Amino acid sequence: MSKKNEKIAGIIEALRGRELDARYLGYFECFNRQLFFEAHEVLEELWLAERGGPRDLFYKGLIQLAGAFVHFQKNRLQPAASLLKLAQTNLSKYPTVYESLDTTRIRELIGTWLAGLQPAVSVNNPLSCGDNPKLVLQAVSGKEVRFTGVPPKAAGL
Protein backbone atom coordinates (compact mmCIF):
# COMPACT_ATOMS: atom_id res chain seq x y z
CA MET A 1 0.00 0.00 0.00
CA SER A 2 1.36 3.44 -0.91
CA LYS A 3 1.83 6.16 1.68
CA LYS A 4 -0.97 8.13 -0.01
CA ASN A 5 -3.35 5.20 0.34
CA GLU A 6 -2.29 4.71 3.96
CA LYS A 7 -2.99 8.38 4.70
CA ILE A 8 -6.44 8.18 3.08
CA ALA A 9 -7.22 4.89 4.84
CA GLY A 10 -6.25 6.49 8.17
CA ILE A 11 -8.55 9.42 7.59
CA ILE A 12 -11.46 7.17 6.65
CA GLU A 13 -10.89 4.80 9.56
CA ALA A 14 -10.88 7.67 12.07
CA LEU A 15 -14.32 8.75 10.79
CA ARG A 16 -16.09 5.38 10.82
CA GLY A 17 -19.14 4.90 13.02
CA ARG A 18 -20.68 8.29 12.41
CA GLU A 19 -24.07 8.97 10.85
CA LEU A 20 -22.61 9.86 7.47
CA ASP A 21 -20.32 7.70 5.35
CA ALA A 22 -16.69 7.95 6.50
CA ARG A 23 -15.54 8.58 2.91
CA TYR A 24 -17.91 11.52 2.64
CA LEU A 25 -16.70 12.94 5.95
CA GLY A 26 -13.11 12.25 4.89
CA TYR A 27 -13.63 14.51 1.91
CA PHE A 28 -14.39 17.45 4.20
CA GLU A 29 -11.54 16.58 6.54
CA CYS A 30 -9.06 16.61 3.69
CA PHE A 31 -10.56 19.64 1.92
CA ASN A 32 -10.47 21.78 5.06
CA ARG A 33 -6.79 20.93 5.56
CA GLN A 34 -6.06 21.98 1.99
CA LEU A 35 -5.37 18.34 1.07
CA PHE A 36 -7.37 18.81 -2.09
CA PHE A 37 -5.95 15.89 -4.04
CA GLU A 38 -6.65 13.58 -1.10
CA ALA A 39 -10.19 15.02 -0.82
CA HIS A 40 -10.73 14.08 -4.45
CA GLU A 41 -9.34 10.57 -3.87
CA VAL A 42 -11.30 9.84 -0.71
CA LEU A 43 -14.63 10.75 -2.28
CA GLU A 44 -13.95 9.10 -5.62
CA GLU A 45 -14.54 5.60 -4.23
CA LEU A 46 -17.97 6.63 -2.98
CA TRP A 47 -18.77 8.39 -6.26
CA LEU A 48 -17.81 5.38 -8.38
CA ALA A 49 -20.21 3.20 -6.41
CA GLU A 50 -22.96 5.81 -6.87
CA ARG A 51 -22.53 6.49 -10.60
CA GLY A 52 -25.90 6.69 -12.28
CA GLY A 53 -27.60 7.02 -8.89
CA PRO A 54 -29.23 10.04 -7.27
CA ARG A 55 -25.97 11.33 -5.74
CA ASP A 56 -23.83 10.84 -8.86
CA LEU A 57 -23.60 14.49 -9.92
CA PHE A 58 -23.46 15.69 -6.30
CA TYR A 59 -20.33 13.68 -5.56
CA LYS A 60 -18.94 14.50 -8.99
CA GLY A 61 -19.42 18.22 -8.27
CA LEU A 62 -17.59 17.94 -4.95
CA ILE A 63 -14.76 16.02 -6.61
CA GLN A 64 -14.55 18.74 -9.28
CA LEU A 65 -14.44 21.37 -6.54
CA ALA A 66 -11.47 19.65 -4.91
CA GLY A 67 -9.86 19.22 -8.31
CA ALA A 68 -10.18 22.94 -8.95
CA PHE A 69 -8.21 23.65 -5.80
CA VAL A 70 -5.53 21.14 -6.83
CA HIS A 71 -5.13 23.35 -9.91
CA PHE A 72 -5.02 26.47 -7.73
CA GLN A 73 -2.22 24.86 -5.70
CA LYS A 74 -0.30 24.28 -8.94
CA ASN A 75 -1.05 27.83 -10.14
CA ARG A 76 -3.07 26.58 -13.11
CA LEU A 77 -5.86 29.12 -13.01
CA GLN A 78 -7.68 28.34 -16.26
CA PRO A 79 -8.17 24.62 -15.44
CA ALA A 80 -9.23 25.67 -11.92
CA ALA A 81 -11.88 27.98 -13.37
CA SER A 82 -13.13 25.27 -15.73
CA LEU A 83 -13.55 22.78 -12.88
CA LEU A 84 -15.24 25.37 -10.68
CA LYS A 85 -17.81 25.97 -13.42
CA LEU A 86 -18.44 22.24 -13.83
CA ALA A 87 -18.79 21.82 -10.06
CA GLN A 88 -21.23 24.71 -9.88
CA THR A 89 -23.34 23.22 -12.68
CA ASN A 90 -23.44 19.77 -11.09
CA LEU A 91 -24.19 21.04 -7.58
CA SER A 92 -26.96 23.33 -8.87
CA LYS A 93 -29.07 20.25 -9.59
CA TYR A 94 -29.54 19.58 -5.85
CA PRO A 95 -31.74 21.20 -3.17
CA THR A 96 -30.46 23.87 -0.80
CA VAL A 97 -29.38 21.30 1.79
CA TYR A 98 -28.36 17.91 0.48
CA GLU A 99 -26.43 15.25 2.36
CA SER A 100 -26.10 17.75 5.24
CA LEU A 101 -24.33 20.25 2.99
CA ASP A 102 -25.70 23.70 2.17
CA THR A 103 -25.32 23.59 -1.61
CA THR A 104 -26.34 27.23 -1.96
CA ARG A 105 -23.36 28.31 0.17
CA ILE A 106 -21.05 26.05 -1.84
CA ARG A 107 -22.26 27.57 -5.11
CA GLU A 108 -21.75 31.04 -3.60
CA LEU A 109 -18.22 30.06 -2.58
CA ILE A 110 -17.58 28.87 -6.14
CA GLY A 111 -18.95 32.14 -7.51
CA THR A 112 -16.65 34.13 -5.24
CA TRP A 113 -13.60 32.16 -6.39
CA LEU A 114 -14.61 32.52 -10.04
CA ALA A 115 -15.04 36.28 -9.58
CA GLY A 116 -11.56 36.42 -8.06
CA LEU A 117 -10.18 34.97 -11.28
CA GLN A 118 -11.57 37.75 -13.49
CA PRO A 119 -8.74 39.80 -15.03
CA ALA A 120 -10.38 43.05 -13.94
CA VAL A 121 -10.20 41.87 -10.31
CA SER A 122 -6.84 40.15 -10.15
CA VAL A 123 -4.32 38.25 -12.17
CA ASN A 124 -2.98 36.57 -9.05
CA ASN A 125 -3.87 33.16 -7.72
CA PRO A 126 -6.52 33.78 -5.02
CA LEU A 127 -5.29 30.74 -3.10
CA SER A 128 -1.89 32.37 -2.66
CA CYS A 129 -3.54 35.16 -0.63
CA GLY A 130 -4.16 32.73 2.23
CA ASP A 131 -7.92 32.83 1.79
CA ASN A 132 -8.35 29.07 2.08
CA PRO A 133 -11.85 27.71 1.53
CA LYS A 134 -13.61 25.77 4.29
CA LEU A 135 -16.62 23.52 3.95
CA VAL A 136 -19.02 22.87 6.83
CA LEU A 137 -21.74 20.25 7.10
CA GLN A 138 -25.09 21.29 8.55
CA ALA A 139 -27.57 19.18 10.52
CA VAL A 140 -27.57 15.40 10.80
CA SER A 141 -30.67 13.51 12.04
CA GLY A 142 -32.40 16.68 13.14
CA LYS A 143 -29.60 17.60 15.56
CA GLU A 144 -27.36 20.56 14.90
CA VAL A 145 -24.01 18.94 14.22
CA ARG A 146 -21.14 20.83 12.74
CA PHE A 147 -18.27 19.02 11.14
CA THR A 148 -15.29 19.49 13.40
CA GLY A 149 -12.87 17.08 11.82
CA VAL A 150 -10.51 14.57 13.32
CA PRO A 151 -7.39 15.28 15.35
CA PRO A 152 -4.39 15.03 12.97
CA LYS A 153 -2.82 12.12 14.87
CA ALA A 154 -6.04 10.10 14.73
CA ALA A 155 -6.06 10.48 10.96
CA GLY A 156 -2.42 9.52 10.63
CA LEU A 157 -1.31 13.01 9.54
C-alpha atoms as a PDB file:
ATOM      1  CA  MET A   1       0.000   0.000   0.000  1.00  0.00           C
ATOM      2  CA  SER A   2       1.357   3.441  -0.910  1.00  0.00           C
ATOM      3  CA  LYS A   3       1.828   6.161   1.681  1.00  0.00           C
ATOM      4  CA  LYS A   4      -0.971   8.131  -0.006  1.00  0.00           C
ATOM      5  CA  ASN A   5      -3.349   5.198   0.340  1.00  0.00           C
ATOM      6  CA  GLU A   6      -2.288   4.711   3.963  1.00  0.00           C
ATOM      7  CA  LYS A   7      -2.992   8.383   4.698  1.00  0.00           C
ATOM      8  CA  ILE A   8      -6.435   8.183   3.083  1.00  0.00           C
ATOM      9  CA  ALA A   9      -7.221   4.885   4.837  1.00  0.00           C
ATOM     10  CA  GLY A  10      -6.247   6.488   8.168  1.00  0.00           C
ATOM     11  CA  ILE A  11      -8.547   9.420   7.594  1.00  0.00           C
ATOM     12  CA  ILE A  12     -11.460   7.173   6.650  1.00  0.00           C
ATOM     13  CA  GLU A  13     -10.888   4.804   9.559  1.00  0.00           C
ATOM     14  CA  ALA A  14     -10.883   7.672  12.065  1.00  0.00           C
ATOM     15  CA  LEU A  15     -14.323   8.752  10.785  1.00  0.00           C
ATOM     16  CA  ARG A  16     -16.085   5.382  10.822  1.00  0.00           C
ATOM     17  CA  GLY A  17     -19.143   4.896  13.015  1.00  0.00           C
ATOM     18  CA  ARG A  18     -20.683   8.289  12.415  1.00  0.00           C
ATOM     19  CA  GLU A  19     -24.072   8.965  10.846  1.00  0.00           C
ATOM     20  CA  LEU A  20     -22.610   9.862   7.467  1.00  0.00           C
ATOM     21  CA  ASP A  21     -20.316   7.700   5.351  1.00  0.00           C
ATOM     22  CA  ALA A  22     -16.692   7.947   6.500  1.00  0.00           C
ATOM     23  CA  ARG A  23     -15.544   8.577   2.915  1.00  0.00           C
ATOM     24  CA  TYR A  24     -17.912  11.523   2.641  1.00  0.00           C
ATOM     25  CA  LEU A  25     -16.701  12.943   5.950  1.00  0.00           C
ATOM     26  CA  GLY A  26     -13.112  12.252   4.893  1.00  0.00           C
ATOM     27  CA  TYR A  27     -13.630  14.505   1.907  1.00  0.00           C
ATOM     28  CA  PHE A  28     -14.388  17.450   4.200  1.00  0.00           C
ATOM     29  CA  GLU A  29     -11.545  16.582   6.540  1.00  0.00           C
ATOM     30  CA  CYS A  30      -9.059  16.615   3.686  1.00  0.00           C
ATOM     31  CA  PHE A  31     -10.563  19.642   1.924  1.00  0.00           C
ATOM     32  CA  ASN A  32     -10.474  21.780   5.062  1.00  0.00           C
ATOM     33  CA  ARG A  33      -6.789  20.925   5.563  1.00  0.00           C
ATOM     34  CA  GLN A  34      -6.063  21.984   1.986  1.00  0.00           C
ATOM     35  CA  LEU A  35      -5.366  18.339   1.073  1.00  0.00           C
ATOM     36  CA  PHE A  36      -7.372  18.810  -2.089  1.00  0.00           C
ATOM     37  CA  PHE A  37      -5.946  15.885  -4.036  1.00  0.00           C
ATOM     38  CA  GLU A  38      -6.650  13.584  -1.100  1.00  0.00           C
ATOM     39  CA  ALA A  39     -10.193  15.019  -0.821  1.00  0.00           C
ATOM     40  CA  HIS A  40     -10.733  14.075  -4.447  1.00  0.00           C
ATOM     41  CA  GLU A  41      -9.340  10.574  -3.873  1.00  0.00           C
ATOM     42  CA  VAL A  42     -11.296   9.840  -0.705  1.00  0.00           C
ATOM     43  CA  LEU A  43     -14.631  10.752  -2.280  1.00  0.00           C
ATOM     44  CA  GLU A  44     -13.954   9.098  -5.621  1.00  0.00           C
ATOM     45  CA  GLU A  45     -14.543   5.596  -4.231  1.00  0.00           C
ATOM     46  CA  LEU A  46     -17.967   6.626  -2.976  1.00  0.00           C
ATOM     47  CA  TRP A  47     -18.770   8.392  -6.259  1.00  0.00           C
ATOM     48  CA  LEU A  48     -17.807   5.377  -8.379  1.00  0.00           C
ATOM     49  CA  ALA A  49     -20.212   3.196  -6.406  1.00  0.00           C
ATOM     50  CA  GLU A  50     -22.962   5.811  -6.865  1.00  0.00           C
ATOM     51  CA  ARG A  51     -22.535   6.493 -10.598  1.00  0.00           C
ATOM     52  CA  GLY A  52     -25.895   6.689 -12.278  1.00  0.00           C
ATOM     53  CA  GLY A  53     -27.598   7.017  -8.892  1.00  0.00           C
ATOM     54  CA  PRO A  54     -29.235  10.044  -7.271  1.00  0.00           C
ATOM     55  CA  ARG A  55     -25.966  11.335  -5.741  1.00  0.00           C
ATOM     56  CA  ASP A  56     -23.833  10.843  -8.858  1.00  0.00           C
ATOM     57  CA  LEU A  57     -23.596  14.492  -9.917  1.00  0.00           C
ATOM     58  CA  PHE A  58     -23.461  15.686  -6.303  1.00  0.00           C
ATOM     59  CA  TYR A  59     -20.329  13.678  -5.565  1.00  0.00           C
ATOM     60  CA  LYS A  60     -18.938  14.503  -8.989  1.00  0.00           C
ATOM     61  CA  GLY A  61     -19.416  18.220  -8.271  1.00  0.00           C
ATOM     62  CA  LEU A  62     -17.593  17.940  -4.947  1.00  0.00           C
ATOM     63  CA  ILE A  63     -14.761  16.023  -6.614  1.00  0.00           C
ATOM     64  CA  GLN A  64     -14.553  18.738  -9.283  1.00  0.00           C
ATOM     65  CA  LEU A  65     -14.438  21.366  -6.540  1.00  0.00           C
ATOM     66  CA  ALA A  66     -11.475  19.651  -4.908  1.00  0.00           C
ATOM     67  CA  GLY A  67      -9.857  19.216  -8.313  1.00  0.00           C
ATOM     68  CA  ALA A  68     -10.178  22.939  -8.950  1.00  0.00           C
ATOM     69  CA  PHE A  69      -8.212  23.647  -5.797  1.00  0.00           C
ATOM     70  CA  VAL A  70      -5.532  21.142  -6.828  1.00  0.00           C
ATOM     71  CA  HIS A  71      -5.126  23.355  -9.909  1.00  0.00           C
ATOM     72  CA  PHE A  72      -5.016  26.472  -7.733  1.00  0.00           C
ATOM     73  CA  GLN A  73      -2.224  24.861  -5.704  1.00  0.00           C
ATOM     74  CA  LYS A  74      -0.297  24.278  -8.944  1.00  0.00           C
ATOM     75  CA  ASN A  75      -1.049  27.834 -10.138  1.00  0.00           C
ATOM     76  CA  ARG A  76      -3.069  26.582 -13.112  1.00  0.00           C
ATOM     77  CA  LEU A  77      -5.857  29.121 -13.012  1.00  0.00           C
ATOM     78  CA  GLN A  78      -7.680  28.338 -16.263  1.00  0.00           C
ATOM     79  CA  PRO A  79      -8.172  24.623 -15.443  1.00  0.00           C
ATOM     80  CA  ALA A  80      -9.229  25.673 -11.924  1.00  0.00           C
ATOM     81  CA  ALA A  81     -11.882  27.981 -13.372  1.00  0.00           C
ATOM     82  CA  SER A  82     -13.127  25.271 -15.728  1.00  0.00           C
ATOM     83  CA  LEU A  83     -13.547  22.777 -12.882  1.00  0.00           C
ATOM     84  CA  LEU A  84     -15.243  25.373 -10.680  1.00  0.00           C
ATOM     85  CA  LYS A  85     -17.814  25.974 -13.419  1.00  0.00           C
ATOM     86  CA  LEU A  86     -18.436  22.241 -13.829  1.00  0.00           C
ATOM     87  CA  ALA A  87     -18.787  21.817 -10.059  1.00  0.00           C
ATOM     88  CA  GLN A  88     -21.230  24.715  -9.877  1.00  0.00           C
ATOM     89  CA  THR A  89     -23.340  23.222 -12.679  1.00  0.00           C
ATOM     90  CA  ASN A  90     -23.436  19.768 -11.088  1.00  0.00           C
ATOM     91  CA  LEU A  91     -24.190  21.036  -7.583  1.00  0.00           C
ATOM     92  CA  SER A  92     -26.957  23.326  -8.866  1.00  0.00           C
ATOM     93  CA  LYS A  93     -29.067  20.246  -9.589  1.00  0.00           C
ATOM     94  CA  TYR A  94     -29.543  19.584  -5.847  1.00  0.00           C
ATOM     95  CA  PRO A  95     -31.738  21.197  -3.165  1.00  0.00           C
ATOM     96  CA  THR A  96     -30.462  23.870  -0.804  1.00  0.00           C
ATOM     97  CA  VAL A  97     -29.385  21.303   1.788  1.00  0.00           C
ATOM     98  CA  TYR A  98     -28.361  17.912   0.478  1.00  0.00           C
ATOM     99  CA  GLU A  99     -26.426  15.252   2.362  1.00  0.00           C
ATOM    100  CA  SER A 100     -26.101  17.754   5.243  1.00  0.00           C
ATOM    101  CA  LEU A 101     -24.335  20.255   2.985  1.00  0.00           C
ATOM    102  CA  ASP A 102     -25.697  23.703   2.165  1.00  0.00           C
ATOM    103  CA  THR A 103     -25.321  23.587  -1.610  1.00  0.00           C
ATOM    104  CA  THR A 104     -26.336  27.231  -1.958  1.00  0.00           C
ATOM    105  CA  ARG A 105     -23.363  28.308   0.167  1.00  0.00           C
ATOM    106  CA  ILE A 106     -21.048  26.053  -1.843  1.00  0.00           C
ATOM    107  CA  ARG A 107     -22.263  27.571  -5.111  1.00  0.00           C
ATOM    108  CA  GLU A 108     -21.753  31.042  -3.605  1.00  0.00           C
ATOM    109  CA  LEU A 109     -18.217  30.060  -2.578  1.00  0.00           C
ATOM    110  CA  ILE A 110     -17.582  28.868  -6.143  1.00  0.00           C
ATOM    111  CA  GLY A 111     -18.954  32.143  -7.512  1.00  0.00           C
ATOM    112  CA  THR A 112     -16.648  34.125  -5.244  1.00  0.00           C
ATOM    113  CA  TRP A 113     -13.601  32.157  -6.392  1.00  0.00           C
ATOM    114  CA  LEU A 114     -14.611  32.521 -10.041  1.00  0.00           C
ATOM    115  CA  ALA A 115     -15.036  36.277  -9.583  1.00  0.00           C
ATOM    116  CA  GLY A 116     -11.558  36.417  -8.061  1.00  0.00           C
ATOM    117  CA  LEU A 117     -10.176  34.973 -11.282  1.00  0.00           C
ATOM    118  CA  GLN A 118     -11.569  37.745 -13.487  1.00  0.00           C
ATOM    119  CA  PRO A 119      -8.736  39.796 -15.035  1.00  0.00           C
ATOM    120  CA  ALA A 120     -10.383  43.054 -13.940  1.00  0.00           C
ATOM    121  CA  VAL A 121     -10.201  41.874 -10.314  1.00  0.00           C
ATOM    122  CA  SER A 122      -6.843  40.152 -10.145  1.00  0.00           C
ATOM    123  CA  VAL A 123      -4.318  38.249 -12.172  1.00  0.00           C
ATOM    124  CA  ASN A 124      -2.976  36.569  -9.055  1.00  0.00           C
ATOM    125  CA  ASN A 125      -3.872  33.159  -7.724  1.00  0.00           C
ATOM    126  CA  PRO A 126      -6.517  33.780  -5.024  1.00  0.00           C
ATOM    127  CA  LEU A 127      -5.290  30.739  -3.103  1.00  0.00           C
ATOM    128  CA  SER A 128      -1.888  32.375  -2.657  1.00  0.00           C
ATOM    129  CA  CYS A 129      -3.544  35.160  -0.634  1.00  0.00           C
ATOM    130  CA  GLY A 130      -4.157  32.729   2.226  1.00  0.00           C
ATOM    131  CA  ASP A 131      -7.922  32.827   1.792  1.00  0.00           C
ATOM    132  CA  ASN A 132      -8.352  29.068   2.082  1.00  0.00           C
ATOM    133  CA  PRO A 133     -11.854  27.709   1.529  1.00  0.00           C
ATOM    134  CA  LYS A 134     -13.612  25.775   4.285  1.00  0.00           C
ATOM    135  CA  LEU A 135     -16.620  23.518   3.951  1.00  0.00           C
ATOM    136  CA  VAL A 136     -19.020  22.869   6.833  1.00  0.00           C
ATOM    137  CA  LEU A 137     -21.740  20.252   7.099  1.00  0.00           C
ATOM    138  CA  GLN A 138     -25.088  21.287   8.547  1.00  0.00           C
ATOM    139  CA  ALA A 139     -27.568  19.179  10.515  1.00  0.00           C
ATOM    140  CA  VAL A 140     -27.574  15.397  10.798  1.00  0.00           C
ATOM    141  CA  SER A 141     -30.671  13.513  12.038  1.00  0.00           C
ATOM    142  CA  GLY A 142     -32.401  16.679  13.137  1.00  0.00           C
ATOM    143  CA  LYS A 143     -29.600  17.602  15.558  1.00  0.00           C
ATOM    144  CA  GLU A 144     -27.357  20.560  14.899  1.00  0.00           C
ATOM    145  CA  VAL A 145     -24.011  18.938  14.219  1.00  0.00           C
ATOM    146  CA  ARG A 146     -21.139  20.834  12.735  1.00  0.00           C
ATOM    147  CA  PHE A 147     -18.265  19.020  11.143  1.00  0.00           C
ATOM    148  CA  THR A 148     -15.287  19.494  13.399  1.00  0.00           C
ATOM    149  CA  GLY A 149     -12.866  17.081  11.820  1.00  0.00           C
ATOM    150  CA  VAL A 150     -10.506  14.572  13.316  1.00  0.00           C
ATOM    151  CA  PRO A 151      -7.388  15.279  15.345  1.00  0.00           C
ATOM    152  CA  PRO A 152      -4.386  15.026  12.975  1.00  0.00           C
ATOM    153  CA  LYS A 153      -2.821  12.117  14.870  1.00  0.00           C
ATOM    154  CA  ALA A 154      -6.044  10.095  14.727  1.00  0.00           C
ATOM    155  CA  ALA A 155      -6.059  10.476  10.960  1.00  0.00           C
ATOM    156  CA  GLY A 156      -2.417   9.522  10.627  1.00  0.00           C
ATOM    157  CA  LEU A 157      -1.311  13.010   9.540  1.00  0.00           C
END
